[in-house]
Amino acid sequence: MIDSAAFRRACSKFATGITIATVTAPDGKPHGLTVNSFTSVSMTPPMVLICIDHKANVMDCFRQASAFGVSILTDQQMTASNRFATRGEDRFQATEWHAGESGAPLIDGALATFDCAVHQIVDAGDHAIVIGVVKALTTAEGRPLLYWGSSYQSLA
């Protein structure tokens, strides 16, 4: 059996970008969390996926939603990444954001945003894979916020 600490250490050798995944709850309140498990799935139709721990407070909101957003963070948005990775804080109060076409929250100043319709949610181990069809997107110039070796990194 593979030790979870060894598995985490091995996975930390893969550099990833940092995103904030967002959703609007049925009561209209925005929710979100920091996610580094994000990838494109398909070009036709354009699809992306994120992975969320079943224990995440916002998981029920994603299960109930018809849309979600993903914002790829710049190297200037480390504070937002930390805020959305911390439990018990009103993450949106100190974060500039806007509603996308679907109503899903999107983080202002991001390198790219994806406004997605939920296509499928697949349970896999202790996480859910949330797959979305991209309905709208934006891109901007800047440098990405990266994560490698269990800490933030920047491009040289």
N, C-alpha and C. Protein backbone atom coordinates (compact mmCIF):
# COMPACT_ATOMS: atom_id res chain seq x y z
N MET A 1 0.84 -1.18 0.00
CA MET A 1 0.00 0.00 0.00
C MET A 1 0.88 1.24 0.00
N ILE A 2 0.47 2.24 -0.72
CA ILE A 2 1.24 3.48 -0.84
C ILE A 2 0.90 4.41 0.31
N ASP A 3 1.93 4.89 0.99
CA ASP A 3 1.78 5.82 2.09
C ASP A 3 1.29 7.17 1.56
N SER A 4 0.28 7.77 2.22
CA SER A 4 -0.29 9.03 1.73
C SER A 4 0.73 10.17 1.73
N ALA A 5 1.63 10.20 2.70
CA ALA A 5 2.67 11.25 2.73
C ALA A 5 3.63 11.08 1.55
N ALA A 6 3.98 9.85 1.22
CA ALA A 6 4.86 9.59 0.08
C ALA A 6 4.16 9.97 -1.23
N PHE A 7 2.86 9.66 -1.32
CA PHE A 7 2.11 10.01 -2.52
C PHE A 7 2.04 11.53 -2.69
N ARG A 8 1.77 12.24 -1.60
CA ARG A 8 1.71 13.71 -1.64
C ARG A 8 3.07 14.29 -2.05
N ARG A 9 4.15 13.72 -1.50
CA ARG A 9 5.50 14.19 -1.83
C ARG A 9 5.80 13.97 -3.31
N ALA A 10 5.43 12.82 -3.83
CA ALA A 10 5.66 12.54 -5.25
C ALA A 10 4.85 13.48 -6.13
N CYS A 11 3.60 13.73 -5.76
CA CYS A 11 2.75 14.65 -6.55
C CYS A 11 3.28 16.07 -6.51
N SER A 12 3.97 16.45 -5.42
CA SER A 12 4.50 17.81 -5.31
C SER A 12 5.61 18.08 -6.31
N LYS A 13 6.09 17.04 -6.96
CA LYS A 13 7.15 17.21 -7.98
C LYS A 13 6.58 17.67 -9.32
N PHE A 14 5.26 17.73 -9.42
CA PHE A 14 4.60 18.20 -10.64
C PHE A 14 4.19 19.65 -10.42
N ALA A 15 4.76 20.56 -11.18
CA ALA A 15 4.42 21.98 -11.05
C ALA A 15 3.02 22.23 -11.61
N THR A 16 2.23 23.00 -10.87
CA THR A 16 0.88 23.32 -11.32
C THR A 16 0.62 24.81 -11.19
N GLY A 17 -0.34 25.27 -11.96
CA GLY A 17 -0.85 26.61 -11.76
C GLY A 17 -1.85 26.58 -10.63
N ILE A 18 -2.23 27.77 -10.18
CA ILE A 18 -3.20 27.88 -9.09
C ILE A 18 -4.46 28.53 -9.63
N THR A 19 -5.59 27.95 -9.31
CA THR A 19 -6.87 28.49 -9.72
C THR A 19 -7.77 28.69 -8.50
N ILE A 20 -8.78 29.50 -8.68
CA ILE A 20 -9.87 29.57 -7.72
C ILE A 20 -11.12 29.10 -8.46
N ALA A 21 -11.73 28.04 -7.92
CA ALA A 21 -12.97 27.51 -8.48
C ALA A 21 -14.13 28.10 -7.69
N THR A 22 -15.15 28.54 -8.39
CA THR A 22 -16.24 29.27 -7.76
C THR A 22 -17.60 28.77 -8.22
N VAL A 23 -18.59 29.04 -7.37
CA VAL A 23 -19.95 28.61 -7.65
C VAL A 23 -20.89 29.53 -6.88
N THR A 24 -22.11 29.64 -7.37
CA THR A 24 -23.14 30.39 -6.66
C THR A 24 -24.10 29.38 -6.03
N ALA A 25 -24.32 29.53 -4.72
CA ALA A 25 -25.24 28.63 -4.00
C ALA A 25 -26.68 28.94 -4.39
N PRO A 26 -27.60 28.03 -4.11
CA PRO A 26 -29.01 28.29 -4.41
C PRO A 26 -29.55 29.58 -3.79
N ASP A 27 -28.97 30.01 -2.65
CA ASP A 27 -29.43 31.25 -2.02
C ASP A 27 -28.78 32.50 -2.64
N GLY A 28 -27.97 32.30 -3.69
CA GLY A 28 -27.34 33.42 -4.38
C GLY A 28 -25.98 33.83 -3.84
N LYS A 29 -25.53 33.20 -2.76
CA LYS A 29 -24.25 33.55 -2.15
C LYS A 29 -23.10 32.90 -2.93
N PRO A 30 -22.01 33.66 -3.19
CA PRO A 30 -20.86 33.09 -3.89
C PRO A 30 -20.01 32.24 -2.95
N HIS A 31 -19.46 31.17 -3.48
CA HIS A 31 -18.56 30.28 -2.74
C HIS A 31 -17.40 29.92 -3.65
N GLY A 32 -16.27 29.60 -3.05
CA GLY A 32 -15.12 29.21 -3.85
C GLY A 32 -14.01 28.63 -3.01
N LEU A 33 -13.03 28.06 -3.68
CA LEU A 33 -11.87 27.48 -3.02
C LEU A 33 -10.69 27.45 -3.97
N THR A 34 -9.51 27.41 -3.40
CA THR A 34 -8.29 27.31 -4.19
C THR A 34 -8.15 25.88 -4.69
N VAL A 35 -7.84 25.74 -5.98
CA VAL A 35 -7.73 24.43 -6.62
C VAL A 35 -6.50 24.43 -7.51
N ASN A 36 -5.66 23.40 -7.38
CA ASN A 36 -4.56 23.28 -8.34
C ASN A 36 -4.75 22.06 -9.24
N SER A 37 -5.80 21.29 -9.02
CA SER A 37 -6.09 20.17 -9.92
C SER A 37 -7.13 20.64 -10.94
N PHE A 38 -6.61 21.24 -11.99
CA PHE A 38 -7.41 21.82 -13.09
C PHE A 38 -6.74 21.41 -14.38
N THR A 39 -7.53 21.03 -15.37
CA THR A 39 -6.96 20.71 -16.67
C THR A 39 -8.02 20.81 -17.76
N SER A 40 -7.56 20.97 -18.97
CA SER A 40 -8.48 20.92 -20.11
C SER A 40 -8.81 19.45 -20.37
N VAL A 41 -10.01 19.21 -20.89
CA VAL A 41 -10.48 17.86 -21.15
C VAL A 41 -10.70 17.65 -22.65
N SER A 42 -11.30 18.64 -23.30
CA SER A 42 -11.73 18.48 -24.70
C SER A 42 -11.68 19.83 -25.40
N MET A 43 -11.36 19.80 -26.68
CA MET A 43 -11.41 21.01 -27.50
C MET A 43 -12.79 21.20 -28.12
N THR A 44 -13.44 20.08 -28.48
CA THR A 44 -14.75 20.15 -29.12
C THR A 44 -15.68 19.16 -28.45
N PRO A 45 -16.57 19.60 -27.59
CA PRO A 45 -16.73 20.98 -27.14
C PRO A 45 -15.61 21.34 -26.16
N PRO A 46 -15.37 22.63 -25.95
CA PRO A 46 -14.33 23.00 -24.99
C PRO A 46 -14.77 22.63 -23.57
N MET A 47 -13.96 21.80 -22.91
CA MET A 47 -14.29 21.31 -21.58
C MET A 47 -13.06 21.37 -20.68
N VAL A 48 -13.31 21.62 -19.39
CA VAL A 48 -12.26 21.60 -18.38
C VAL A 48 -12.76 20.78 -17.20
N LEU A 49 -11.82 20.43 -16.30
CA LEU A 49 -12.21 19.76 -15.08
C LEU A 49 -11.44 20.31 -13.90
N ILE A 50 -12.06 20.18 -12.73
CA ILE A 50 -11.42 20.48 -11.46
C ILE A 50 -11.70 19.31 -10.54
N CYS A 51 -10.86 19.13 -9.55
CA CYS A 51 -11.08 18.08 -8.55
C CYS A 51 -11.24 18.72 -7.19
N ILE A 52 -12.27 18.31 -6.45
CA ILE A 52 -12.59 18.88 -5.15
C ILE A 52 -12.77 17.76 -4.13
N ASP A 53 -12.13 17.92 -3.00
CA ASP A 53 -12.24 16.95 -1.90
C ASP A 53 -13.69 16.86 -1.45
N HIS A 54 -14.17 15.64 -1.23
CA HIS A 54 -15.55 15.44 -0.76
C HIS A 54 -15.82 16.19 0.54
N LYS A 55 -14.78 16.40 1.37
CA LYS A 55 -14.95 17.06 2.67
C LYS A 55 -14.97 18.59 2.56
N ALA A 56 -14.71 19.13 1.39
CA ALA A 56 -14.69 20.59 1.23
C ALA A 56 -16.08 21.15 1.53
N ASN A 57 -16.10 22.25 2.27
CA ASN A 57 -17.38 22.87 2.66
C ASN A 57 -18.26 23.23 1.47
N VAL A 58 -17.65 23.53 0.34
CA VAL A 58 -18.41 23.99 -0.83
C VAL A 58 -18.86 22.87 -1.77
N MET A 59 -18.49 21.64 -1.45
CA MET A 59 -18.80 20.54 -2.37
C MET A 59 -20.29 20.43 -2.65
N ASP A 60 -21.12 20.59 -1.64
CA ASP A 60 -22.58 20.50 -1.87
C ASP A 60 -23.05 21.59 -2.83
N CYS A 61 -22.45 22.78 -2.74
CA CYS A 61 -22.82 23.87 -3.66
C CYS A 61 -22.50 23.48 -5.10
N PHE A 62 -21.33 22.87 -5.32
CA PHE A 62 -20.97 22.44 -6.68
C PHE A 62 -21.92 21.35 -7.16
N ARG A 63 -22.33 20.46 -6.28
CA ARG A 63 -23.25 19.39 -6.68
C ARG A 63 -24.63 19.93 -7.07
N GLN A 64 -25.04 21.04 -6.46
CA GLN A 64 -26.36 21.62 -6.73
C GLN A 64 -26.36 22.60 -7.90
N ALA A 65 -25.19 23.07 -8.29
CA ALA A 65 -25.09 24.15 -9.28
C ALA A 65 -25.21 23.63 -10.71
N SER A 66 -25.65 24.51 -11.58
CA SER A 66 -25.68 24.20 -13.01
C SER A 66 -24.48 24.84 -13.71
N ALA A 67 -23.74 25.70 -12.99
CA ALA A 67 -22.58 26.39 -13.58
C ALA A 67 -21.52 26.60 -12.50
N PHE A 68 -20.28 26.76 -12.94
CA PHE A 68 -19.19 27.10 -12.05
C PHE A 68 -18.16 27.91 -12.82
N GLY A 69 -17.27 28.55 -12.08
CA GLY A 69 -16.21 29.34 -12.69
C GLY A 69 -14.85 28.86 -12.25
N VAL A 70 -13.86 29.12 -13.09
CA VAL A 70 -12.46 28.85 -12.76
C VAL A 70 -11.66 30.08 -13.16
N SER A 71 -10.85 30.59 -12.24
CA SER A 71 -10.00 31.75 -12.50
C SER A 71 -8.55 31.33 -12.27
N ILE A 72 -7.72 31.44 -13.32
CA ILE A 72 -6.29 31.12 -13.21
C ILE A 72 -5.58 32.35 -12.65
N LEU A 73 -4.89 32.18 -11.52
CA LEU A 73 -4.31 33.31 -10.81
C LEU A 73 -2.95 33.75 -11.36
N THR A 74 -2.70 35.05 -11.21
CA THR A 74 -1.39 35.61 -11.56
C THR A 74 -0.47 35.52 -10.36
N ASP A 75 0.81 35.77 -10.59
CA ASP A 75 1.78 35.74 -9.49
C ASP A 75 1.56 36.88 -8.51
N GLN A 76 0.65 37.80 -8.81
CA GLN A 76 0.30 38.89 -7.90
C GLN A 76 -0.93 38.56 -7.04
N GLN A 77 -1.46 37.35 -7.19
CA GLN A 77 -2.70 36.99 -6.49
C GLN A 77 -2.50 35.90 -5.43
N MET A 78 -1.31 35.83 -4.85
CA MET A 78 -1.03 34.84 -3.82
C MET A 78 -1.95 35.04 -2.61
N THR A 79 -2.24 36.29 -2.26
CA THR A 79 -3.13 36.57 -1.13
C THR A 79 -4.50 35.96 -1.37
N ALA A 80 -5.03 36.10 -2.57
CA ALA A 80 -6.33 35.51 -2.89
C ALA A 80 -6.26 33.98 -2.81
N SER A 81 -5.18 33.40 -3.31
CA SER A 81 -5.01 31.95 -3.23
C SER A 81 -5.05 31.49 -1.78
N ASN A 82 -4.32 32.18 -0.92
CA ASN A 82 -4.30 31.82 0.50
C ASN A 82 -5.67 32.03 1.15
N ARG A 83 -6.34 33.12 0.79
CA ARG A 83 -7.66 33.41 1.36
C ARG A 83 -8.66 32.29 1.01
N PHE A 84 -8.65 31.86 -0.24
CA PHE A 84 -9.61 30.85 -0.67
C PHE A 84 -9.21 29.44 -0.24
N ALA A 85 -7.99 29.29 0.30
CA ALA A 85 -7.55 28.01 0.85
C ALA A 85 -7.80 27.92 2.35
N THR A 86 -8.25 29.03 2.96
CA THR A 86 -8.47 29.09 4.40
C THR A 86 -9.95 28.94 4.71
N ARG A 87 -10.26 28.08 5.66
CA ARG A 87 -11.66 27.87 6.07
C ARG A 87 -12.10 28.98 7.02
N GLY A 88 -13.41 29.22 7.03
CA GLY A 88 -14.00 30.09 8.01
C GLY A 88 -13.90 31.57 7.72
N GLU A 89 -13.44 31.94 6.55
CA GLU A 89 -13.30 33.35 6.20
C GLU A 89 -14.27 33.68 5.08
N ASP A 90 -14.83 34.91 5.08
CA ASP A 90 -15.66 35.33 3.95
C ASP A 90 -14.70 35.65 2.81
N ARG A 91 -14.50 34.70 1.97
CA ARG A 91 -13.48 34.78 0.93
C ARG A 91 -13.75 35.87 -0.09
N PHE A 92 -15.00 36.19 -0.32
CA PHE A 92 -15.34 37.17 -1.36
C PHE A 92 -15.36 38.60 -0.85
N GLN A 93 -15.43 38.80 0.45
CA GLN A 93 -15.50 40.15 1.00
C GLN A 93 -14.27 40.98 0.64
N ALA A 94 -13.09 40.37 0.68
CA ALA A 94 -11.85 41.10 0.40
C ALA A 94 -11.30 40.81 -1.00
N THR A 95 -12.12 40.24 -1.87
CA THR A 95 -11.67 39.86 -3.21
C THR A 95 -12.54 40.55 -4.25
N GLU A 96 -11.89 41.18 -5.23
CA GLU A 96 -12.65 41.79 -6.32
C GLU A 96 -13.04 40.69 -7.31
N TRP A 97 -14.31 40.66 -7.63
CA TRP A 97 -14.84 39.63 -8.52
C TRP A 97 -16.07 40.17 -9.24
N HIS A 98 -16.50 39.42 -10.23
CA HIS A 98 -17.71 39.76 -10.96
C HIS A 98 -18.41 38.47 -11.34
N ALA A 99 -19.69 38.57 -11.63
CA ALA A 99 -20.44 37.40 -12.08
C ALA A 99 -20.23 37.20 -13.57
N GLY A 100 -19.95 35.97 -13.95
CA GLY A 100 -19.83 35.63 -15.36
C GLY A 100 -21.20 35.55 -16.00
N GLU A 101 -21.24 35.21 -17.27
CA GLU A 101 -22.50 35.10 -18.00
C GLU A 101 -23.47 34.14 -17.33
N SER A 102 -22.93 33.08 -16.73
CA SER A 102 -23.78 32.07 -16.08
C SER A 102 -24.20 32.50 -14.68
N GLY A 103 -23.57 33.54 -14.17
CA GLY A 103 -23.79 33.95 -12.78
C GLY A 103 -22.71 33.45 -11.85
N ALA A 104 -21.85 32.55 -12.32
CA ALA A 104 -20.76 32.04 -11.49
C ALA A 104 -19.76 33.16 -11.21
N PRO A 105 -19.25 33.26 -10.00
CA PRO A 105 -18.26 34.30 -9.68
C PRO A 105 -16.94 34.04 -10.40
N LEU A 106 -16.32 35.12 -10.87
CA LEU A 106 -15.01 35.05 -11.52
C LEU A 106 -14.12 36.11 -10.87
N ILE A 107 -12.86 35.77 -10.63
CA ILE A 107 -11.94 36.64 -9.92
C ILE A 107 -11.36 37.68 -10.88
N ASP A 108 -11.49 38.96 -10.51
CA ASP A 108 -10.94 40.05 -11.31
C ASP A 108 -9.41 39.96 -11.35
N GLY A 109 -8.83 40.32 -12.49
CA GLY A 109 -7.39 40.36 -12.63
C GLY A 109 -6.74 39.02 -12.91
N ALA A 110 -7.54 37.97 -13.09
CA ALA A 110 -6.99 36.64 -13.34
C ALA A 110 -6.35 36.56 -14.74
N LEU A 111 -5.42 35.63 -14.92
CA LEU A 111 -4.80 35.40 -16.23
C LEU A 111 -5.81 34.89 -17.23
N ALA A 112 -6.73 34.06 -16.75
CA ALA A 112 -7.79 33.53 -17.60
C ALA A 112 -8.97 33.16 -16.71
N THR A 113 -10.16 33.27 -17.25
CA THR A 113 -11.35 32.80 -16.55
C THR A 113 -12.14 31.90 -17.47
N PHE A 114 -12.80 30.93 -16.87
CA PHE A 114 -13.64 29.98 -17.59
C PHE A 114 -15.00 29.97 -16.91
N ASP A 115 -16.03 30.29 -17.66
CA ASP A 115 -17.41 30.25 -17.17
C ASP A 115 -18.01 28.97 -17.74
N CYS A 116 -18.35 28.03 -16.88
CA CYS A 116 -18.67 26.67 -17.33
C CYS A 116 -20.06 26.22 -16.92
N ALA A 117 -20.69 25.46 -17.79
CA ALA A 117 -21.91 24.72 -17.44
C ALA A 117 -21.47 23.36 -16.93
N VAL A 118 -22.03 22.93 -15.81
CA VAL A 118 -21.69 21.62 -15.27
C VAL A 118 -22.13 20.55 -16.27
N HIS A 119 -21.19 19.71 -16.66
CA HIS A 119 -21.48 18.62 -17.59
C HIS A 119 -21.68 17.32 -16.82
N GLN A 120 -20.76 17.06 -15.87
CA GLN A 120 -20.80 15.80 -15.14
C GLN A 120 -19.96 15.94 -13.87
N ILE A 121 -20.37 15.25 -12.82
CA ILE A 121 -19.57 15.14 -11.60
C ILE A 121 -19.34 13.67 -11.35
N VAL A 122 -18.07 13.28 -11.28
CA VAL A 122 -17.69 11.89 -11.11
C VAL A 122 -16.98 11.74 -9.77
N ASP A 123 -17.45 10.84 -8.93
CA ASP A 123 -16.77 10.57 -7.67
C ASP A 123 -15.61 9.62 -7.94
N ALA A 124 -14.44 9.97 -7.41
CA ALA A 124 -13.24 9.15 -7.58
C ALA A 124 -12.42 9.23 -6.30
N GLY A 125 -12.41 8.16 -5.54
CA GLY A 125 -11.68 8.17 -4.27
C GLY A 125 -12.28 9.19 -3.33
N ASP A 126 -11.40 10.03 -2.74
CA ASP A 126 -11.88 11.02 -1.78
C ASP A 126 -12.19 12.37 -2.42
N HIS A 127 -12.22 12.42 -3.75
CA HIS A 127 -12.51 13.66 -4.47
C HIS A 127 -13.65 13.47 -5.47
N ALA A 128 -14.20 14.59 -5.90
CA ALA A 128 -15.16 14.62 -6.99
C ALA A 128 -14.49 15.33 -8.16
N ILE A 129 -14.65 14.79 -9.33
CA ILE A 129 -14.16 15.41 -10.56
C ILE A 129 -15.33 16.16 -11.17
N VAL A 130 -15.21 17.48 -11.22
CA VAL A 130 -16.28 18.32 -11.75
C VAL A 130 -15.88 18.71 -13.17
N ILE A 131 -16.65 18.25 -14.13
CA ILE A 131 -16.35 18.50 -15.55
C ILE A 131 -17.34 19.54 -16.06
N GLY A 132 -16.81 20.55 -16.74
CA GLY A 132 -17.66 21.61 -17.25
C GLY A 132 -17.43 21.91 -18.72
N VAL A 133 -18.49 22.31 -19.39
CA VAL A 133 -18.40 22.80 -20.76
C VAL A 133 -18.18 24.31 -20.67
N VAL A 134 -17.11 24.79 -21.28
CA VAL A 134 -16.78 26.21 -21.22
C VAL A 134 -17.76 26.97 -22.11
N LYS A 135 -18.48 27.91 -21.51
CA LYS A 135 -19.45 28.72 -22.24
C LYS A 135 -18.91 30.11 -22.56
N ALA A 136 -17.96 30.60 -21.76
CA ALA A 136 -17.33 31.90 -21.99
C ALA A 136 -15.97 31.87 -21.32
N LEU A 137 -15.04 32.66 -21.84
CA LEU A 137 -13.71 32.73 -21.25
C LEU A 137 -13.10 34.09 -21.50
N THR A 138 -12.09 34.41 -20.70
CA THR A 138 -11.30 35.62 -20.89
C THR A 138 -9.83 35.26 -20.72
N THR A 139 -8.96 36.05 -21.30
CA THR A 139 -7.52 35.91 -21.08
C THR A 139 -6.92 37.29 -20.88
N ALA A 140 -5.79 37.33 -20.18
CA ALA A 140 -5.08 38.58 -19.92
C ALA A 140 -3.58 38.28 -19.91
N GLU A 141 -2.80 39.32 -19.94
CA GLU A 141 -1.35 39.17 -19.88
C GLU A 141 -0.92 39.11 -18.42
N GLY A 142 0.21 38.49 -18.17
CA GLY A 142 0.76 38.41 -16.82
C GLY A 142 1.53 37.13 -16.65
N ARG A 143 1.98 36.91 -15.43
CA ARG A 143 2.75 35.71 -15.10
C ARG A 143 1.92 34.86 -14.14
N PRO A 144 1.98 33.54 -14.29
CA PRO A 144 1.14 32.66 -13.47
C PRO A 144 1.66 32.49 -12.05
N LEU A 145 0.75 32.25 -11.14
CA LEU A 145 1.08 31.81 -9.79
C LEU A 145 1.27 30.30 -9.88
N LEU A 146 2.43 29.81 -9.48
CA LEU A 146 2.75 28.39 -9.60
C LEU A 146 2.93 27.75 -8.24
N TYR A 147 2.74 26.43 -8.21
CA TYR A 147 2.93 25.66 -7.00
C TYR A 147 3.78 24.45 -7.35
N TRP A 148 4.87 24.27 -6.62
CA TRP A 148 5.78 23.16 -6.84
C TRP A 148 6.54 22.88 -5.55
N GLY A 149 6.75 21.63 -5.24
CA GLY A 149 7.51 21.28 -4.04
C GLY A 149 6.83 21.76 -2.77
N SER A 150 5.49 21.78 -2.78
CA SER A 150 4.69 22.18 -1.63
C SER A 150 4.82 23.65 -1.25
N SER A 151 5.18 24.49 -2.23
CA SER A 151 5.23 25.94 -1.97
C SER A 151 5.03 26.70 -3.26
N TYR A 152 4.70 28.00 -3.12
CA TYR A 152 4.54 28.87 -4.28
C TYR A 152 5.88 29.07 -4.96
N GLN A 153 5.83 29.18 -6.27
CA GLN A 153 7.04 29.41 -7.07
C GLN A 153 6.72 30.48 -8.11
N SER A 154 7.75 30.97 -8.76
CA SER A 154 7.54 31.91 -9.86
C SER A 154 8.45 31.53 -11.01
N LEU A 155 8.09 31.98 -12.19
CA LEU A 155 8.93 31.73 -13.36
C LEU A 155 10.20 32.55 -13.24
N ALA A 156 11.30 31.97 -13.64
CA ALA A 156 12.59 32.70 -13.57
C ALA A 156 12.70 33.71 -14.67
